[in-house]
Amino acid sequence: MSITTGKLYASAAAPIRMAFALLAALAIALSLGLARARAATLEETLADDVFVNEPGSTGRCTIYAATNMLRRAALLNGDQDWSSITTSSIPSSGGLPFSFSVSTQEATYAVEHGYITGSTVEERTAELLALLDENPAGIVLYTSTGNPHAVTLLGYDEESGAFIAHDSLTGATSSLDECVSVRASNADAYWYVSSPVSAPGPVSLRNAVVTVEDAVYAGEPVTPQVTVTLDGATLTEGTDYAVSYVGNNSVGTALAVVSGAGSYNGTASAGFEVLDGTKVLVGRCCGYRRGVDGFWSGVSKLPRC
């Protein structure tokens, strides 16, 4: 589910030099990644502990939905006191006021009210998408028809073509169609954070899986192809990340470092071997093969080289 908020070793000294070079490269990459923080990423704002849920039907679904919206807004703004926002923070004498504000130790967040005006499902869908584009923290979406209820509308899943929402009554983040009663077709009102809210920060590559094959050295720095996957998705070089290499200009162990770009930040890396091109050619000629231990072993009967 992809939610958008709108739409070693030539000599004894070589390993030491290599270690220092790798550490220096990683330190630079990490410092660049840390410099871009520290608004929360979209992934972080969807963590279970961000949301507060009703202990059964309380009739205060709008209060819970607004609390969750405000907690996300504070997270996106890098507010370290975001968790202090609870249902008790909402000034209410029953239902959710049309306009109000909530404060943490670091900031004050204003909330305003509006109505859904579209008459067809298509018009309502376009209206909700526009609202999500303007409101990174999501909106409180409410229906007064049938079984009145409110959820926190979080974003839109482009892959499935479905709105994603958190329902405090079920405690689940899911497709809007799986929530208790709110739908794009029957929603008639919403609340939004009118104070400035930062867009979600980039997704970290910290947990990415980097795959790179060994390469053969022939006198020039080697730049083997790198594959990067994160949460099952394959990322695109040049769009999602850039690749740099350390120790790729000599035989031995090298490192491929990927640095986030676009919607991604942070770094991930993978080691690979730079093989001696001469030995590889001789080994192939003589019927040798490279074993798992890194050494070349022969077959039973070797041809003359």
Protein backbone atom coordinates (compact mmCIF):
# COMPACT_ATOMS: atom_id res chain seq x y z
CA MET A 1 0.00 0.00 0.00
CA SER A 2 1.52 3.26 -1.15
CA ILE A 3 -0.32 6.13 0.52
CA THR A 4 0.12 9.64 -0.79
CA THR A 5 -1.05 12.81 0.92
CA GLY A 6 -2.57 13.93 -2.34
CA LYS A 7 -1.87 12.74 -5.26
CA LEU A 8 40.63 -6.76 1.66
CA TYR A 9 43.60 -7.08 0.48
CA ALA A 10 46.64 -5.98 -1.42
CA SER A 11 48.81 -5.30 1.64
CA ALA A 12 48.63 -5.25 5.43
CA ALA A 13 47.86 -1.51 5.37
CA ALA A 14 45.05 -1.82 2.82
CA PRO A 15 42.38 -3.07 5.25
CA ILE A 16 43.13 -0.16 7.59
CA ARG A 17 42.90 2.41 4.80
CA MET A 18 39.71 0.76 3.59
CA ALA A 19 38.12 0.87 7.04
CA PHE A 20 38.87 4.56 7.46
CA ALA A 21 37.58 5.34 3.99
CA LEU A 22 34.34 3.44 4.57
CA LEU A 23 33.78 5.10 7.93
CA ALA A 24 34.42 8.53 6.47
CA ALA A 25 32.00 7.96 3.61
CA LEU A 26 29.29 6.71 5.93
CA ALA A 27 29.82 9.59 8.35
CA ILE A 28 29.38 12.12 5.55
CA ALA A 29 26.29 10.37 4.20
CA LEU A 30 24.72 10.10 7.65
CA SER A 31 25.41 13.74 8.45
CA LEU A 32 23.71 14.78 5.23
CA GLY A 33 20.69 12.62 6.07
CA LEU A 34 20.40 13.93 9.62
CA ALA A 35 20.61 17.52 8.44
CA ARG A 36 17.32 17.09 6.61
CA ALA A 37 15.33 15.94 9.64
CA ARG A 38 13.30 16.23 11.81
CA ALA A 39 9.74 16.48 10.67
CA ALA A 40 8.13 13.05 10.79
CA THR A 41 7.87 10.88 7.72
CA LEU A 42 4.50 9.69 6.44
CA GLU A 43 5.41 6.21 7.70
CA GLU A 44 6.04 7.53 11.20
CA THR A 45 2.69 9.34 11.34
CA LEU A 46 0.91 6.06 10.57
CA ALA A 47 2.43 4.18 13.53
CA ASP A 48 -0.08 2.54 15.87
CA ASP A 49 0.98 4.60 18.88
CA VAL A 50 0.09 7.83 17.08
CA PHE A 51 -3.61 7.04 17.21
CA VAL A 52 -5.92 7.05 20.23
CA ASN A 53 -8.95 4.77 20.07
CA GLU A 54 -12.37 4.64 21.68
CA PRO A 55 -12.95 2.03 24.40
CA GLY A 56 -16.19 1.01 22.70
CA SER A 57 -18.81 3.31 21.23
CA THR A 58 -18.67 6.54 23.22
CA GLY A 59 -20.49 8.92 20.89
CA ARG A 60 -17.32 11.03 20.82
CA CYS A 61 -15.92 9.82 17.50
CA THR A 62 -15.34 13.38 16.26
CA ILE A 63 -13.25 14.13 19.36
CA TYR A 64 -11.09 11.06 18.79
CA ALA A 65 -10.75 11.74 15.05
CA ALA A 66 -9.72 15.33 15.71
CA THR A 67 -7.19 14.23 18.33
CA ASN A 68 -5.57 11.87 15.85
CA MET A 69 -5.49 14.54 13.15
CA LEU A 70 -3.83 17.00 15.52
CA ARG A 71 -1.26 14.46 16.72
CA ARG A 72 -0.26 13.87 13.10
CA ALA A 73 -0.04 17.61 12.48
CA ALA A 74 2.27 18.05 15.46
CA LEU A 75 4.44 15.13 14.32
CA LEU A 76 4.76 16.54 10.83
CA ASN A 77 5.87 19.85 12.31
CA GLY A 78 8.54 18.14 14.40
CA ASP A 79 6.72 18.99 17.63
CA GLN A 80 8.43 16.90 20.33
CA ASP A 81 5.37 17.32 22.56
CA TRP A 82 2.93 15.78 20.06
CA SER A 83 1.90 12.94 22.38
CA SER A 84 0.55 15.45 24.93
CA ILE A 85 -2.42 15.96 22.58
CA THR A 86 -5.21 13.73 23.87
CA THR A 87 -8.99 13.74 23.77
CA SER A 88 -8.87 15.87 26.93
CA SER A 89 -7.06 18.56 24.91
CA ILE A 90 -10.13 19.19 22.75
CA PRO A 91 -12.34 22.02 24.12
CA SER A 92 -15.77 20.40 23.89
CA SER A 93 -19.04 20.40 25.74
CA GLY A 94 -20.25 17.36 23.83
CA GLY A 95 -19.60 17.48 20.12
CA LEU A 96 -16.65 18.92 18.23
CA PRO A 97 -16.74 22.75 17.98
CA PHE A 98 -16.70 24.25 14.49
CA SER A 99 -13.46 26.09 15.32
CA PHE A 100 -11.03 25.73 18.20
CA SER A 101 -7.33 25.48 18.98
CA VAL A 102 -5.09 23.07 20.87
CA SER A 103 -1.68 23.90 22.29
CA THR A 104 1.40 21.89 23.19
CA GLN A 105 4.51 23.22 24.90
CA GLU A 106 5.92 24.04 21.47
CA ALA A 107 3.02 25.27 19.32
CA THR A 108 -0.67 26.06 18.94
CA TYR A 109 -2.80 24.34 16.30
CA ALA A 110 -6.02 25.90 15.00
CA VAL A 111 -8.86 23.78 13.60
CA GLU A 112 -11.66 24.94 11.28
CA HIS A 113 -14.81 23.35 9.87
CA GLY A 114 -16.18 22.98 6.34
CA TYR A 115 -18.86 21.19 4.31
CA ILE A 116 -18.60 18.70 1.44
CA THR A 117 -20.37 20.32 -1.51
CA GLY A 118 -20.10 17.79 -4.35
CA SER A 119 -23.33 16.19 -5.52
CA THR A 120 -21.88 13.11 -7.23
CA VAL A 121 -19.36 10.54 -5.99
CA GLU A 122 -16.91 11.75 -8.63
CA GLU A 123 -17.22 15.36 -7.47
CA ARG A 124 -16.90 14.34 -3.82
CA THR A 125 -13.82 12.23 -4.58
CA ALA A 126 -12.15 15.15 -6.36
CA GLU A 127 -13.07 17.42 -3.46
CA LEU A 128 -11.58 15.05 -0.89
CA LEU A 129 -8.39 14.64 -2.92
CA ALA A 130 -8.02 18.43 -3.06
CA LEU A 131 -8.56 18.67 0.70
CA LEU A 132 -5.89 16.04 1.31
CA ASP A 133 -3.48 17.92 -0.96
CA GLU A 134 -3.99 21.03 1.17
CA ASN A 135 -3.94 19.23 4.53
CA PRO A 136 -0.96 16.88 5.08
CA ALA A 137 -2.23 15.84 8.53
CA GLY A 138 -5.48 14.60 6.99
CA ILE A 139 -8.99 15.73 7.86
CA VAL A 140 -11.80 14.68 10.18
CA LEU A 141 -14.46 13.32 7.83
CA TYR A 142 -18.02 13.14 9.20
CA THR A 143 -21.37 11.80 8.05
CA SER A 144 -24.62 12.82 9.75
CA THR A 145 -26.81 10.42 7.77
CA GLY A 146 -27.80 6.90 8.80
CA ASN A 147 -25.29 5.99 11.48
CA PRO A 148 -23.52 9.31 12.26
CA HIS A 149 -19.79 8.77 12.55
CA ALA A 150 -16.39 10.40 12.01
CA VAL A 151 -12.98 9.09 10.97
CA THR A 152 -9.57 10.61 10.31
CA LEU A 153 -9.09 10.62 6.55
CA LEU A 154 -5.35 10.09 6.05
CA GLY A 155 -4.62 9.86 2.36
CA TYR A 156 -5.23 8.05 -0.89
CA ASP A 157 -3.80 4.71 -2.02
CA GLU A 158 -3.03 5.14 -5.72
CA GLU A 159 -2.48 1.41 -6.24
CA SER A 160 -5.94 0.37 -5.07
CA GLY A 161 -7.76 3.62 -5.84
CA ALA A 162 -9.09 3.85 -2.28
CA PHE A 163 -9.09 6.48 0.43
CA ILE A 164 -7.27 5.43 3.61
CA ALA A 165 -8.67 6.37 7.02
CA HIS A 166 -8.25 5.60 10.70
CA ASP A 167 -11.43 4.65 12.53
CA SER A 168 -11.04 5.15 16.29
CA LEU A 169 -14.02 2.86 16.94
CA THR A 170 -12.44 -0.16 15.23
CA GLY A 171 -8.89 0.95 16.03
CA ALA A 172 -7.83 0.17 12.47
CA THR A 173 -6.15 2.07 9.65
CA SER A 174 -7.76 0.76 6.50
CA SER A 175 -9.65 1.58 3.35
CA LEU A 176 -12.41 4.12 3.98
CA ASP A 177 -14.91 1.51 2.76
CA GLU A 178 -13.91 -0.73 5.69
CA CYS A 179 -14.70 1.94 8.30
CA VAL A 180 -17.93 1.86 10.29
CA SER A 181 -20.19 4.11 8.22
CA VAL A 182 -18.35 7.07 6.65
CA ARG A 183 -18.01 6.95 2.88
CA ALA A 184 -17.07 9.41 0.15
CA SER A 185 -20.68 9.14 -1.01
CA ASN A 186 -22.33 10.15 2.30
CA ALA A 187 -19.79 12.39 4.08
CA ASP A 188 -21.15 15.88 4.54
CA ALA A 189 -18.70 17.77 6.79
CA TYR A 190 -15.04 17.93 7.71
CA TRP A 191 -12.55 19.60 10.05
CA TYR A 192 -8.99 20.52 9.14
CA VAL A 193 -5.90 22.07 10.76
CA SER A 194 -5.79 25.64 9.48
CA SER A 195 -2.39 26.36 11.04
CA PRO A 196 0.65 25.66 8.82
CA VAL A 197 1.55 21.96 8.73
CA SER A 198 4.67 20.59 7.06
CA ALA A 199 4.33 18.00 4.32
CA PRO A 200 5.51 14.52 5.31
CA GLY A 201 9.28 14.22 5.49
CA PRO A 202 11.23 11.81 3.28
CA VAL A 203 11.17 8.08 3.99
CA SER A 204 14.42 6.78 5.46
CA LEU A 205 16.46 4.19 3.56
CA ARG A 206 17.73 2.82 6.86
CA ASN A 207 15.86 -0.49 6.43
CA ALA A 208 16.37 -0.79 2.68
CA VAL A 209 17.90 -3.96 1.23
CA VAL A 210 20.83 -3.19 -1.07
CA THR A 211 21.97 -5.89 -3.50
CA VAL A 212 25.19 -5.64 -5.53
CA GLU A 213 27.16 -8.34 -7.32
CA ASP A 214 30.92 -8.79 -7.29
CA ALA A 215 32.79 -7.04 -10.07
CA VAL A 216 35.98 -7.74 -12.04
CA TYR A 217 38.76 -5.15 -11.95
CA ALA A 218 40.38 -4.39 -15.30
CA GLY A 219 42.32 -1.24 -14.51
CA GLU A 220 39.35 1.12 -14.14
CA PRO A 221 37.05 1.78 -11.13
CA VAL A 222 34.18 -0.68 -11.14
CA THR A 223 30.58 0.48 -10.77
CA PRO A 224 28.40 -2.65 -10.56
CA GLN A 225 24.65 -2.27 -10.82
CA VAL A 226 22.86 -1.82 -7.51
CA THR A 227 19.32 -2.91 -6.65
CA VAL A 228 17.50 -1.25 -3.75
CA THR A 229 14.25 -2.53 -2.29
CA LEU A 230 12.24 -1.13 0.60
CA ASP A 231 9.11 -2.74 2.03
CA GLY A 232 8.90 -4.99 -1.02
CA ALA A 233 9.12 -2.15 -3.56
CA THR A 234 12.08 -1.69 -5.91
CA LEU A 235 13.35 1.89 -5.92
CA THR A 236 14.62 3.80 -8.95
CA GLU A 237 18.19 5.06 -9.19
CA GLY A 238 18.35 8.77 -9.99
CA THR A 239 14.83 9.35 -8.71
CA ASP A 240 14.77 7.66 -5.31
CA TYR A 241 18.49 7.35 -4.60
CA ALA A 242 22.03 8.00 -5.83
CA VAL A 243 24.92 5.51 -5.64
CA SER A 244 28.52 6.15 -4.64
CA TYR A 245 31.34 3.66 -4.23
CA VAL A 246 34.25 3.31 -1.83
CA GLY A 247 37.26 1.12 -2.57
CA ASN A 248 36.10 0.29 -6.10
CA ASN A 249 39.37 1.22 -7.82
CA SER A 250 41.47 -1.74 -6.71
CA VAL A 251 41.19 -5.46 -6.04
CA GLY A 252 39.67 -6.25 -2.65
CA THR A 253 36.50 -5.43 -0.72
CA ALA A 254 34.48 -2.39 -1.72
CA LEU A 255 31.28 -0.73 -0.63
CA ALA A 256 28.26 0.61 -2.49
CA VAL A 257 26.51 3.41 -0.60
CA VAL A 258 23.02 4.53 -1.62
CA SER A 259 21.81 7.96 -0.49
CA GLY A 260 18.14 8.89 -0.56
CA ALA A 261 16.74 11.40 -3.05
CA GLY A 262 13.30 12.79 -3.78
CA SER A 263 10.90 11.18 -1.33
CA TYR A 264 13.72 9.31 0.44
CA ASN A 265 16.59 10.27 2.70
CA GLY A 266 19.25 8.56 4.78
CA THR A 267 21.64 5.90 3.56
CA ALA A 268 22.05 2.16 3.17
CA SER A 269 25.01 0.16 1.94
CA ALA A 270 26.26 -3.25 0.83
CA GLY A 271 29.74 -4.67 0.42
CA PHE A 272 31.02 -6.47 -2.66
CA GLU A 273 34.26 -7.98 -3.95
CA VAL A 274 36.43 -6.44 -6.64
CA LEU A 275 38.06 -9.46 -8.29
CA ASP A 276 41.42 -9.58 -10.03
CA GLY A 277 40.57 -9.63 -13.73
CA THR A 278 43.71 -11.57 -14.67
CA LYS A 279 42.99 -14.35 -12.18
CA VAL A 280 39.40 -14.56 -13.33
CA LEU A 281 40.44 -15.02 -16.97
CA VAL A 282 43.10 -17.58 -16.10
CA GLY A 283 40.68 -19.43 -13.86
CA ARG A 284 38.09 -19.62 -16.60
CA CYS A 285 40.66 -20.73 -19.12
CA CYS A 286 41.93 -23.50 -16.86
CA GLY A 287 38.54 -24.66 -15.69
CA TYR A 288 38.80 -23.16 -12.23
CA ARG A 289 35.80 -21.94 -10.36
CA ARG A 290 35.51 -19.47 -7.49
CA GLY A 291 34.22 -21.15 -4.34
CA VAL A 292 32.14 -19.74 -1.53
CA ASP A 293 35.34 -19.23 0.46
CA GLY A 294 36.60 -16.78 -2.16
CA PHE A 295 39.39 -19.08 -3.42
CA TRP A 296 39.73 -20.62 -6.86
CA SER A 297 39.53 -24.39 -6.94
CA GLY A 298 40.13 -26.67 -9.89
CA VAL A 299 38.10 -29.41 -11.49
CA SER A 300 39.25 -33.01 -11.77
CA LYS A 301 41.10 -32.74 -15.08
CA LEU A 302 42.41 -29.36 -16.11
CA PRO A 303 43.19 -28.41 -19.69
CA ARG A 304 46.62 -27.11 -20.48
CA CYS A 305 46.76 -23.26 -20.28
